PDB file of N, CA and C in Angstrom:
ATOM      1  N   MET A   1     -10.266   9.093  28.039  1.00  0.00           N
ATOM      2  CA  MET A   1     -10.281  10.504  27.745  1.00  0.00           C
ATOM      3  C   MET A   1      -9.461  10.750  26.476  1.00  0.00           C
ATOM      4  N   PRO A   2      -9.992  11.475  25.499  1.00  0.00           N
ATOM      5  CA  PRO A   2      -9.261  11.745  24.266  1.00  0.00           C
ATOM      6  C   PRO A   2      -8.005  12.589  24.515  1.00  0.00           C
ATOM      7  N   ASN A   3      -6.934  12.236  23.802  1.00  0.00           N
ATOM      8  CA  ASN A   3      -5.714  13.041  23.860  1.00  0.00           C
ATOM      9  C   ASN A   3      -4.990  12.938  22.525  1.00  0.00           C
ATOM     10  N   LEU A   4      -3.881  13.628  22.379  1.00  0.00           N
ATOM     11  CA  LEU A   4      -3.139  13.648  21.120  1.00  0.00           C
ATOM     12  C   LEU A   4      -1.922  12.733  21.142  1.00  0.00           C
ATOM     13  N   TYR A   5      -1.905  11.725  22.014  1.00  0.00           N
ATOM     14  CA  TYR A   5      -0.735  10.852  22.137  1.00  0.00           C
ATOM     15  C   TYR A   5      -0.410  10.155  20.812  1.00  0.00           C
ATOM     16  N   ILE A   6      -1.386   9.526  20.190  1.00  0.00           N
ATOM     17  CA  ILE A   6      -1.141   8.798  18.938  1.00  0.00           C
ATOM     18  C   ILE A   6      -0.727   9.765  17.834  1.00  0.00           C
ATOM     19  N   GLU A   7      -1.396  10.908  17.748  1.00  0.00           N
ATOM     20  CA  GLU A   7      -1.063  11.881  16.715  1.00  0.00           C
ATOM     21  C   GLU A   7       0.354  12.423  16.879  1.00  0.00           C
ATOM     22  N   MET A   8       0.792  12.632  18.110  1.00  0.00           N
ATOM     23  CA  MET A   8       2.125  13.181  18.353  1.00  0.00           C
ATOM     24  C   MET A   8       3.225  12.153  18.082  1.00  0.00           C
ATOM     25  N   THR A   9       2.927  10.847  18.182  1.00  0.00           N
ATOM     26  CA  THR A   9       3.940   9.825  17.942  1.00  0.00           C
ATOM     27  C   THR A   9       4.072   9.474  16.463  1.00  0.00           C
ATOM     28  N   CYS A  10       3.144   9.893  15.623  1.00  0.00           N
ATOM     29  CA  CYS A  10       3.216   9.623  14.184  1.00  0.00           C
ATOM     30  C   CYS A  10       4.164  10.613  13.521  1.00  0.00           C
ATOM     31  N   SER A  11       4.942  10.128  12.559  1.00  0.00           N
ATOM     32  CA  SER A  11       5.873  11.016  11.867  1.00  0.00           C
ATOM     33  C   SER A  11       5.287  11.572  10.574  1.00  0.00           C
ATOM     34  N   GLY A  12       4.156  11.028  10.130  1.00  0.00           N
ATOM     35  CA  GLY A  12       3.552  11.481   8.878  1.00  0.00           C
ATOM     36  C   GLY A  12       2.375  12.410   9.114  1.00  0.00           C
ATOM     37  N   VAL A  13       1.575  12.545   8.089  1.00  0.00           N
ATOM     38  CA  VAL A  13       0.392  13.401   8.139  1.00  0.00           C
ATOM     39  C   VAL A  13      -0.752  12.632   8.784  1.00  0.00           C
ATOM     40  N   VAL A  14      -1.473  13.288   9.685  1.00  0.00           N
ATOM     41  CA  VAL A  14      -2.643  12.690  10.322  1.00  0.00           C
ATOM     42  C   VAL A  14      -3.870  13.391   9.765  1.00  0.00           C
ATOM     43  N   ALA A  15      -4.814  12.621   9.229  1.00  0.00           N
ATOM     44  CA  ALA A  15      -6.023  13.200   8.635  1.00  0.00           C
ATOM     45  C   ALA A  15      -7.234  12.413   9.102  1.00  0.00           C
ATOM     46  N   GLY A  16      -8.358  13.079   9.129  1.00  0.00           N
ATOM     47  CA  GLY A  16      -9.600  12.427   9.514  1.00  0.00           C
ATOM     48  C   GLY A  16     -10.733  12.850   8.597  1.00  0.00           C
ATOM     49  N   VAL A  17     -11.725  11.968   8.443  1.00  0.00           N
ATOM     50  CA  VAL A  17     -12.892  12.255   7.609  1.00  0.00           C
ATOM     51  C   VAL A  17     -14.130  11.943   8.426  1.00  0.00           C
ATOM     52  N   ASP A  18     -15.112  12.812   8.335  1.00  0.00           N
ATOM     53  CA  ASP A  18     -16.356  12.605   9.069  1.00  0.00           C
ATOM     54  C   ASP A  18     -17.505  13.094   8.210  1.00  0.00           C
ATOM     55  N   GLU A  19     -18.609  12.356   8.208  1.00  0.00           N
ATOM     56  CA  GLU A  19     -19.777  12.817   7.471  1.00  0.00           C
ATOM     57  C   GLU A  19     -20.583  13.740   8.366  1.00  0.00           C
ATOM     58  N   ALA A  20     -21.077  14.815   7.801  1.00  0.00           N
ATOM     59  CA  ALA A  20     -21.855  15.787   8.564  1.00  0.00           C
ATOM     60  C   ALA A  20     -23.292  15.752   8.066  1.00  0.00           C
ATOM     61  N   GLY A  21     -24.164  15.188   8.849  1.00  0.00           N
ATOM     62  CA  GLY A  21     -25.559  15.081   8.441  1.00  0.00           C
ATOM     63  C   GLY A  21     -26.211  13.867   9.067  1.00  0.00           C
ATOM     64  N   ARG A  22     -27.350  13.467   8.529  1.00  0.00           N
ATOM     65  CA  ARG A  22     -28.085  12.325   9.076  1.00  0.00           C
ATOM     66  C   ARG A  22     -27.514  10.998   8.624  1.00  0.00           C
ATOM     67  N   GLY A  23     -26.737  10.988   7.587  1.00  0.00           N
ATOM     68  CA  GLY A  23     -26.145   9.759   7.086  1.00  0.00           C
ATOM     69  C   GLY A  23     -25.227  10.068   5.927  1.00  0.00           C
ATOM     70  N   PRO A  24     -24.417   9.094   5.487  1.00  0.00           N
ATOM     71  CA  PRO A  24     -23.461   9.362   4.423  1.00  0.00           C
ATOM     72  C   PRO A  24     -24.119   9.746   3.098  1.00  0.00           C
ATOM     73  N   TRP A  25     -25.369   9.325   2.876  1.00  0.00           N
ATOM     74  CA  TRP A  25     -26.054   9.668   1.628  1.00  0.00           C
ATOM     75  C   TRP A  25     -26.921  10.910   1.783  1.00  0.00           C
ATOM     76  N   ALA A  26     -27.158  11.367   3.013  1.00  0.00           N
ATOM     77  CA  ALA A  26     -28.076  12.487   3.243  1.00  0.00           C
ATOM     78  C   ALA A  26     -27.370  13.811   3.491  1.00  0.00           C
ATOM     79  N   GLY A  27     -26.065  13.794   3.752  1.00  0.00           N
ATOM     80  CA  GLY A  27     -25.388  15.045   4.093  1.00  0.00           C
ATOM     81  C   GLY A  27     -24.058  15.192   3.386  1.00  0.00           C
ATOM     82  N   PRO A  28     -23.474  16.373   3.450  1.00  0.00           N
ATOM     83  CA  PRO A  28     -22.172  16.607   2.815  1.00  0.00           C
ATOM     84  C   PRO A  28     -21.035  15.932   3.585  1.00  0.00           C
ATOM     85  N   ILE A  29     -19.930  15.698   2.913  1.00  0.00           N
ATOM     86  CA  ILE A  29     -18.741  15.097   3.523  1.00  0.00           C
ATOM     87  C   ILE A  29     -17.789  16.217   3.943  1.00  0.00           C
ATOM     88  N   VAL A  30     -17.247  16.110   5.156  1.00  0.00           N
ATOM     89  CA  VAL A  30     -16.323  17.114   5.679  1.00  0.00           C
ATOM     90  C   VAL A  30     -15.001  16.429   5.982  1.00  0.00           C
ATOM     91  N   ALA A  31     -13.900  16.979   5.477  1.00  0.00           N
ATOM     92  CA  ALA A  31     -12.566  16.440   5.742  1.00  0.00           C
ATOM     93  C   ALA A  31     -11.704  17.531   6.350  1.00  0.00           C
ATOM     94  N   ALA A  32     -10.896  17.141   7.331  1.00  0.00           N
ATOM     95  CA  ALA A  32     -10.001  18.110   7.981  1.00  0.00           C
ATOM     96  C   ALA A  32      -8.587  17.562   7.995  1.00  0.00           C
TER      97      ALA A  32
END
């Protein structure tokens, strides 16, 4: 089950990147 355990134990910035679309060449890139 997903939780924030790893994120809460990190002292730095936590960032993630995910492609939104059918593939990395077919859709825009979304970063949060």
